[in-house]
Amino acid sequence: MNKPVKYVYQIRSRNGVVVNNLQIYGRTEAEAREKLMQMYTHCEILECAVAAAEHHGNTSYEDVLDVIVKED
């Protein structure tokens, strides 16, 4: 099973308003697009991109405790 990816859309709603930075998770672009079309029926997709992956680093629970203890 694929991990969900965040897709970033720019759309034009059916009443003509442009919506930027609309972020939707999906396992595939098709799944994200389907969710988008359910929320914004009859919208026009102007742009679609994959959001940059978040980098959480290599910090462990023990590293955080070391910082807390050193501050006391």
PDB file of N, CA and C in Angstrom:
ATOM      1  N   MET A   1       0.847  -1.179   0.000  1.00  0.00           N
ATOM      2  CA  MET A   1       0.000   0.000   0.000  1.00  0.00           C
ATOM      3  C   MET A   1       0.891   1.240   0.000  1.00  0.00           C
ATOM      4  N   ASN A   2       0.578   2.199  -0.834  1.00  0.00           N
ATOM      5  CA  ASN A   2       1.369   3.417  -0.951  1.00  0.00           C
ATOM      6  C   ASN A   2       1.080   4.374   0.194  1.00  0.00           C
ATOM      7  N   LYS A   3       2.119   5.080   0.604  1.00  0.00           N
ATOM      8  CA  LYS A   3       1.976   6.117   1.627  1.00  0.00           C
ATOM      9  C   LYS A   3       1.335   7.339   0.977  1.00  0.00           C
ATOM     10  N   PRO A   4       0.372   7.976   1.649  1.00  0.00           N
ATOM     11  CA  PRO A   4      -0.253   9.173   1.061  1.00  0.00           C
ATOM     12  C   PRO A   4       0.761  10.283   0.821  1.00  0.00           C
ATOM     13  N   VAL A   5       0.591  10.966  -0.291  1.00  0.00           N
ATOM     14  CA  VAL A   5       1.442  12.076  -0.694  1.00  0.00           C
ATOM     15  C   VAL A   5       0.571  13.324  -0.711  1.00  0.00           C
ATOM     16  N   LYS A   6       1.164  14.466  -0.389  1.00  0.00           N
ATOM     17  CA  LYS A   6       0.415  15.720  -0.398  1.00  0.00           C
ATOM     18  C   LYS A   6       0.547  16.360  -1.778  1.00  0.00           C
ATOM     19  N   TYR A   7      -0.585  16.593  -2.422  1.00  0.00           N
ATOM     20  CA  TYR A   7      -0.632  17.264  -3.722  1.00  0.00           C
ATOM     21  C   TYR A   7      -1.129  18.687  -3.507  1.00  0.00           C
ATOM     22  N   VAL A   8      -0.491  19.627  -4.187  1.00  0.00           N
ATOM     23  CA  VAL A   8      -0.835  21.041  -4.051  1.00  0.00           C
ATOM     24  C   VAL A   8      -1.467  21.498  -5.358  1.00  0.00           C
ATOM     25  N   TYR A   9      -2.674  22.036  -5.263  1.00  0.00           N
ATOM     26  CA  TYR A   9      -3.428  22.448  -6.445  1.00  0.00           C
ATOM     27  C   TYR A   9      -3.659  23.946  -6.464  1.00  0.00           C
ATOM     28  N   GLN A  10      -3.795  24.456  -7.676  1.00  0.00           N
ATOM     29  CA  GLN A  10      -4.352  25.788  -7.914  1.00  0.00           C
ATOM     30  C   GLN A  10      -5.557  25.529  -8.804  1.00  0.00           C
ATOM     31  N   ILE A  11      -6.720  26.007  -8.369  1.00  0.00           N
ATOM     32  CA  ILE A  11      -7.946  25.740  -9.125  1.00  0.00           C
ATOM     33  C   ILE A  11      -8.715  27.035  -9.367  1.00  0.00           C
ATOM     34  N   ARG A  12      -9.639  26.949 -10.309  1.00  0.00           N
ATOM     35  CA  ARG A  12     -10.630  28.009 -10.505  1.00  0.00           C
ATOM     36  C   ARG A  12     -11.973  27.364 -10.194  1.00  0.00           C
ATOM     37  N   SER A  13     -12.657  27.891  -9.186  1.00  0.00           N
ATOM     38  CA  SER A  13     -13.949  27.331  -8.795  1.00  0.00           C
ATOM     39  C   SER A  13     -14.992  27.637  -9.864  1.00  0.00           C
ATOM     40  N   ARG A  14     -16.138  26.997  -9.735  1.00  0.00           N
ATOM     41  CA  ARG A  14     -17.166  27.165 -10.770  1.00  0.00           C
ATOM     42  C   ARG A  14     -17.687  28.591 -10.856  1.00  0.00           C
ATOM     43  N   ASN A  15     -17.500  29.403  -9.791  1.00  0.00           N
ATOM     44  CA  ASN A  15     -17.930  30.805  -9.861  1.00  0.00           C
ATOM     45  C   ASN A  15     -16.784  31.740 -10.247  1.00  0.00           C
ATOM     46  N   GLY A  16     -15.624  31.180 -10.631  1.00  0.00           N
ATOM     47  CA  GLY A  16     -14.527  31.975 -11.172  1.00  0.00           C
ATOM     48  C   GLY A  16     -13.440  32.382 -10.200  1.00  0.00           C
ATOM     49  N   VAL A  17     -13.573  32.038  -8.930  1.00  0.00           N
ATOM     50  CA  VAL A  17     -12.574  32.409  -7.926  1.00  0.00           C
ATOM     51  C   VAL A  17     -11.380  31.459  -8.018  1.00  0.00           C
ATOM     52  N   VAL A  18     -10.163  32.026  -8.052  1.00  0.00           N
ATOM     53  CA  VAL A  18      -8.949  31.211  -8.084  1.00  0.00           C
ATOM     54  C   VAL A  18      -8.542  30.889  -6.650  1.00  0.00           C
ATOM     55  N   VAL A  19      -8.314  29.604  -6.386  1.00  0.00           N
ATOM     56  CA  VAL A  19      -7.893  29.138  -5.064  1.00  0.00           C
ATOM     57  C   VAL A  19      -6.479  28.597  -5.208  1.00  0.00           C
ATOM     58  N   ASN A  20      -5.544  29.175  -4.451  1.00  0.00           N
ATOM     59  CA  ASN A  20      -4.142  28.762  -4.488  1.00  0.00           C
ATOM     60  C   ASN A  20      -3.802  27.890  -3.287  1.00  0.00           C
ATOM     61  N   ASN A  21      -2.763  27.087  -3.446  1.00  0.00           N
ATOM     62  CA  ASN A  21      -2.185  26.304  -2.349  1.00  0.00           C
ATOM     63  C   ASN A  21      -3.206  25.395  -1.674  1.00  0.00           C
ATOM     64  N   LEU A  22      -4.040  24.768  -2.453  1.00  0.00           N
ATOM     65  CA  LEU A  22      -5.036  23.825  -1.957  1.00  0.00           C
ATOM     66  C   LEU A  22      -4.341  22.476  -1.830  1.00  0.00           C
ATOM     67  N   GLN A  23      -4.172  21.984  -0.607  1.00  0.00           N
ATOM     68  CA  GLN A  23      -3.382  20.781  -0.367  1.00  0.00           C
ATOM     69  C   GLN A  23      -4.282  19.611  -0.019  1.00  0.00           C
ATOM     70  N   ILE A  24      -4.086  18.503  -0.745  1.00  0.00           N
ATOM     71  CA  ILE A  24      -4.917  17.314  -0.572  1.00  0.00           C
ATOM     72  C   ILE A  24      -4.015  16.087  -0.575  1.00  0.00           C
ATOM     73  N   TYR A  25      -4.237  15.192   0.389  1.00  0.00           N
ATOM     74  CA  TYR A  25      -3.485  13.944   0.443  1.00  0.00           C
ATOM     75  C   TYR A  25      -4.143  12.898  -0.445  1.00  0.00           C
ATOM     76  N   GLY A  26      -3.302  12.050  -1.035  1.00  0.00           N
ATOM     77  CA  GLY A  26      -3.784  10.930  -1.821  1.00  0.00           C
ATOM     78  C   GLY A  26      -2.670   9.931  -2.044  1.00  0.00           C
ATOM     79  N   ARG A  27      -3.020   8.656  -2.178  1.00  0.00           N
ATOM     80  CA  ARG A  27      -1.999   7.642  -2.474  1.00  0.00           C
ATOM     81  C   ARG A  27      -1.489   7.796  -3.898  1.00  0.00           C
ATOM     82  N   THR A  28      -2.362   8.316  -4.765  1.00  0.00           N
ATOM     83  CA  THR A  28      -1.983   8.614  -6.144  1.00  0.00           C
ATOM     84  C   THR A  28      -2.553   9.981  -6.501  1.00  0.00           C
ATOM     85  N   GLU A  29      -2.059  10.544  -7.603  1.00  0.00           N
ATOM     86  CA  GLU A  29      -2.597  11.832  -8.045  1.00  0.00           C
ATOM     87  C   GLU A  29      -4.073  11.693  -8.413  1.00  0.00           C
ATOM     88  N   ALA A  30      -4.434  10.554  -8.998  1.00  0.00           N
ATOM     89  CA  ALA A  30      -5.831  10.330  -9.379  1.00  0.00           C
ATOM     90  C   ALA A  30      -6.745  10.335  -8.152  1.00  0.00           C
ATOM     91  N   GLU A  31      -6.283   9.734  -7.055  1.00  0.00           N
ATOM     92  CA  GLU A  31      -7.085   9.722  -5.830  1.00  0.00           C
ATOM     93  C   GLU A  31      -7.226  11.132  -5.258  1.00  0.00           C
ATOM     94  N   ALA A  32      -6.146  11.893  -5.257  1.00  0.00           N
ATOM     95  CA  ALA A  32      -6.201  13.273  -4.760  1.00  0.00           C
ATOM     96  C   ALA A  32      -7.122  14.117  -5.634  1.00  0.00           C
ATOM     97  N   ARG A  33      -7.040  13.916  -6.939  1.00  0.00           N
ATOM     98  CA  ARG A  33      -7.887  14.666  -7.875  1.00  0.00           C
ATOM     99  C   ARG A  33      -9.363  14.318  -7.650  1.00  0.00           C
ATOM    100  N   GLU A  34      -9.642  13.051  -7.385  1.00  0.00           N
ATOM    101  CA  GLU A  34     -11.022  12.623  -7.124  1.00  0.00           C
ATOM    102  C   GLU A  34     -11.569  13.300  -5.863  1.00  0.00           C
ATOM    103  N   LYS A  35     -10.740  13.366  -4.809  1.00  0.00           N
ATOM    104  CA  LYS A  35     -11.154  14.061  -3.583  1.00  0.00           C
ATOM    105  C   LYS A  35     -11.410  15.536  -3.859  1.00  0.00           C
ATOM    106  N   LEU A  36     -10.528  16.137  -4.650  1.00  0.00           N
ATOM    107  CA  LEU A  36     -10.670  17.547  -5.005  1.00  0.00           C
ATOM    108  C   LEU A  36     -11.985  17.785  -5.733  1.00  0.00           C
ATOM    109  N   MET A  37     -12.294  16.932  -6.696  1.00  0.00           N
ATOM    110  CA  MET A  37     -13.512  17.107  -7.489  1.00  0.00           C
ATOM    111  C   MET A  37     -14.777  16.877  -6.654  1.00  0.00           C
ATOM    112  N   GLN A  38     -14.686  16.082  -5.586  1.00  0.00           N
ATOM    113  CA  GLN A  38     -15.825  15.913  -4.688  1.00  0.00           C
ATOM    114  C   GLN A  38     -16.078  17.179  -3.879  1.00  0.00           C
ATOM    115  N   MET A  39     -14.989  17.850  -3.487  1.00  0.00           N
ATOM    116  CA  MET A  39     -15.128  19.072  -2.680  1.00  0.00           C
ATOM    117  C   MET A  39     -15.452  20.291  -3.529  1.00  0.00           C
ATOM    118  N   TYR A  40     -14.854  20.370  -4.713  1.00  0.00           N
ATOM    119  CA  TYR A  40     -15.039  21.519  -5.604  1.00  0.00           C
ATOM    120  C   TYR A  40     -15.586  21.007  -6.935  1.00  0.00           C
ATOM    121  N   THR A  41     -16.875  20.717  -6.968  1.00  0.00           N
ATOM    122  CA  THR A  41     -17.479  20.192  -8.192  1.00  0.00           C
ATOM    123  C   THR A  41     -17.403  21.227  -9.305  1.00  0.00           C
ATOM    124  N   HIS A  42     -17.143  20.771 -10.496  1.00  0.00           N
ATOM    125  CA  HIS A  42     -17.071  21.595 -11.706  1.00  0.00           C
ATOM    126  C   HIS A  42     -15.962  22.644 -11.657  1.00  0.00           C
ATOM    127  N   CYS A  43     -14.896  22.387 -10.875  1.00  0.00           N
ATOM    128  CA  CYS A  43     -13.784  23.338 -10.855  1.00  0.00           C
ATOM    129  C   CYS A  43     -12.839  23.030 -12.017  1.00  0.00           C
ATOM    130  N   GLU A  44     -11.997  23.995 -12.327  1.00  0.00           N
ATOM    131  CA  GLU A  44     -10.965  23.832 -13.354  1.00  0.00           C
ATOM    132  C   GLU A  44      -9.619  23.770 -12.639  1.00  0.00           C
ATOM    133  N   ILE A  45      -8.868  22.700 -12.864  1.00  0.00           N
ATOM    134  CA  ILE A  45      -7.549  22.573 -12.245  1.00  0.00           C
ATOM    135  C   ILE A  45      -6.551  23.329 -13.105  1.00  0.00           C
ATOM    136  N   LEU A  46      -5.932  24.350 -12.507  1.00  0.00           N
ATOM    137  CA  LEU A  46      -4.973  25.176 -13.225  1.00  0.00           C
ATOM    138  C   LEU A  46      -3.554  24.639 -13.083  1.00  0.00           C
ATOM    139  N   GLU A  47      -3.256  24.058 -11.922  1.00  0.00           N
ATOM    140  CA  GLU A  47      -1.901  23.567 -11.667  1.00  0.00           C
ATOM    141  C   GLU A  47      -1.942  22.496 -10.590  1.00  0.00           C
ATOM    142  N   CYS A  48      -1.049  21.518 -10.705  1.00  0.00           N
ATOM    143  CA  CYS A  48      -0.920  20.472  -9.697  1.00  0.00           C
ATOM    144  C   CYS A  48       0.556  20.176  -9.504  1.00  0.00           C
ATOM    145  N   ALA A  49       0.976  20.069  -8.245  1.00  0.00           N
ATOM    146  CA  ALA A  49       2.365  19.738  -7.933  1.00  0.00           C
ATOM    147  C   ALA A  49       2.385  18.862  -6.688  1.00  0.00           C
ATOM    148  N   VAL A  50       3.471  18.127  -6.526  1.00  0.00           N
ATOM    149  CA  VAL A  50       3.664  17.327  -5.323  1.00  0.00           C
ATOM    150  C   VAL A  50       4.387  18.193  -4.306  1.00  0.00           C
ATOM    151  N   ALA A  51       3.861  18.246  -3.084  1.00  0.00           N
ATOM    152  CA  ALA A  51       4.485  19.049  -2.030  1.00  0.00           C
ATOM    153  C   ALA A  51       5.809  18.415  -1.641  1.00  0.00           C
ATOM    154  N   ALA A  52       6.761  19.247  -1.277  1.00  0.00           N
ATOM    155  CA  ALA A  52       8.069  18.754  -0.844  1.00  0.00           C
ATOM    156  C   ALA A  52       7.899  17.903   0.411  1.00  0.00           C
ATOM    157  N   ALA A  53       8.645  16.825   0.473  1.00  0.00           N
ATOM    158  CA  ALA A  53       8.578  15.942   1.634  1.00  0.00           C
ATOM    159  C   ALA A  53       9.109  16.653   2.864  1.00  0.00           C
ATOM    160  N   GLU A  54       8.433  16.448   3.968  1.00  0.00           N
ATOM    161  CA  GLU A  54       8.865  17.050   5.220  1.00  0.00           C
ATOM    162  C   GLU A  54      10.064  16.284   5.748  1.00  0.00           C
ATOM    163  N   HIS A  55      11.031  17.002   6.279  1.00  0.00           N
ATOM    164  CA  HIS A  55      12.233  16.381   6.826  1.00  0.00           C
ATOM    165  C   HIS A  55      12.178  16.495   8.341  1.00  0.00           C
ATOM    166  N   HIS A  56      12.091  15.362   9.004  1.00  0.00           N
ATOM    167  CA  HIS A  56      11.967  15.370  10.452  1.00  0.00           C
ATOM    168  C   HIS A  56      13.308  15.235  11.161  1.00  0.00           C
ATOM    169  N   GLY A  57      14.370  14.957  10.441  1.00  0.00           N
ATOM    170  CA  GLY A  57      15.683  14.825  11.060  1.00  0.00           C
ATOM    171  C   GLY A  57      15.845  13.501  11.772  1.00  0.00           C
ATOM    172  N   ASN A  58      16.946  13.389  12.487  1.00  0.00           N
ATOM    173  CA  ASN A  58      17.267  12.145  13.180  1.00  0.00           C
ATOM    174  C   ASN A  58      17.265  12.332  14.688  1.00  0.00           C
ATOM    175  N   THR A  59      16.432  13.192  15.202  1.00  0.00           N
ATOM    176  CA  THR A  59      16.372  13.453  16.634  1.00  0.00           C
ATOM    177  C   THR A  59      15.591  12.345  17.322  1.00  0.00           C
ATOM    178  N   SER A  60      16.187  11.815  18.381  1.00  0.00           N
ATOM    179  CA  SER A  60      15.514  10.763  19.140  1.00  0.00           C
ATOM    180  C   SER A  60      14.965  11.335  20.445  1.00  0.00           C
ATOM    181  N   TYR A  61      14.176  10.562  21.103  1.00  0.00           N
ATOM    182  CA  TYR A  61      13.609  10.949  22.394  1.00  0.00           C
ATOM    183  C   TYR A  61      14.725  11.210  23.403  1.00  0.00           C
ATOM    184  N   GLU A  62      15.761  10.377  23.359  1.00  0.00           N
ATOM    185  CA  GLU A  62      16.890  10.539  24.273  1.00  0.00           C
ATOM    186  C   GLU A  62      17.623  11.852  24.021  1.00  0.00           C
ATOM    187  N   ASP A  63      17.765  12.257  22.758  1.00  0.00           N
ATOM    188  CA  ASP A  63      18.418  13.527  22.432  1.00  0.00           C
ATOM    189  C   ASP A  63      17.653  14.701  23.030  1.00  0.00           C
ATOM    190  N   VAL A  64      16.347  14.656  22.961  1.00  0.00           N
ATOM    191  CA  VAL A  64      15.518  15.727  23.517  1.00  0.00           C
ATOM    192  C   VAL A  64      15.674  15.774  25.032  1.00  0.00           C
ATOM    193  N   LEU A  65      15.670  14.620  25.682  1.00  0.00           N
ATOM    194  CA  LEU A  65      15.849  14.585  27.134  1.00  0.00           C
ATOM    195  C   LEU A  65      17.213  15.124  27.537  1.00  0.00           C
ATOM    196  N   ASP A  66      18.256  14.816  26.768  1.00  0.00           N
ATOM    197  CA  ASP A  66      19.594  15.342  27.052  1.00  0.00           C
ATOM    198  C   ASP A  66      19.600  16.864  27.031  1.00  0.00           C
ATOM    199  N   VAL A  67      18.925  17.472  26.074  1.00  0.00           N
ATOM    200  CA  VAL A  67      18.865  18.931  25.981  1.00  0.00           C
ATOM    201  C   VAL A  67      18.127  19.505  27.188  1.00  0.00           C
ATOM    202  N   ILE A  68      17.033  18.880  27.586  1.00  0.00           N
ATOM    203  CA  ILE A  68      16.254  19.362  28.728  1.00  0.00           C
ATOM    204  C   ILE A  68      17.075  19.264  30.009  1.00  0.00           C
ATOM    205  N   VAL A  69      17.754  18.153  30.203  1.00  0.00           N
ATOM    206  CA  VAL A  69      18.542  17.941  31.418  1.00  0.00           C
ATOM    207  C   VAL A  69      19.714  18.915  31.474  1.00  0.00           C
ATOM    208  N   LYS A  70      20.359  19.199  30.344  1.00  0.00           N
ATOM    209  CA  LYS A  70      21.503  20.111  30.307  1.00  0.00           C
ATOM    210  C   LYS A  70      21.103  21.540  30.628  1.00  0.00           C
ATOM    211  N   GLU A  71      19.845  21.922  30.369  1.00  0.00           N
ATOM    212  CA  GLU A  71      19.387  23.281  30.638  1.00  0.00           C
ATOM    213  C   GLU A  71      19.152  23.521  32.119  1.00  0.00           C
ATOM    214  N   ASP A  72      18.937  22.485  32.914  1.00  0.00           N
ATOM    215  CA  ASP A  72      18.660  22.650  34.355  1.00  0.00           C
ATOM    216  C   ASP A  72      19.880  22.968  35.140  1.00  0.00           C
TER     217      ASP A  72
END
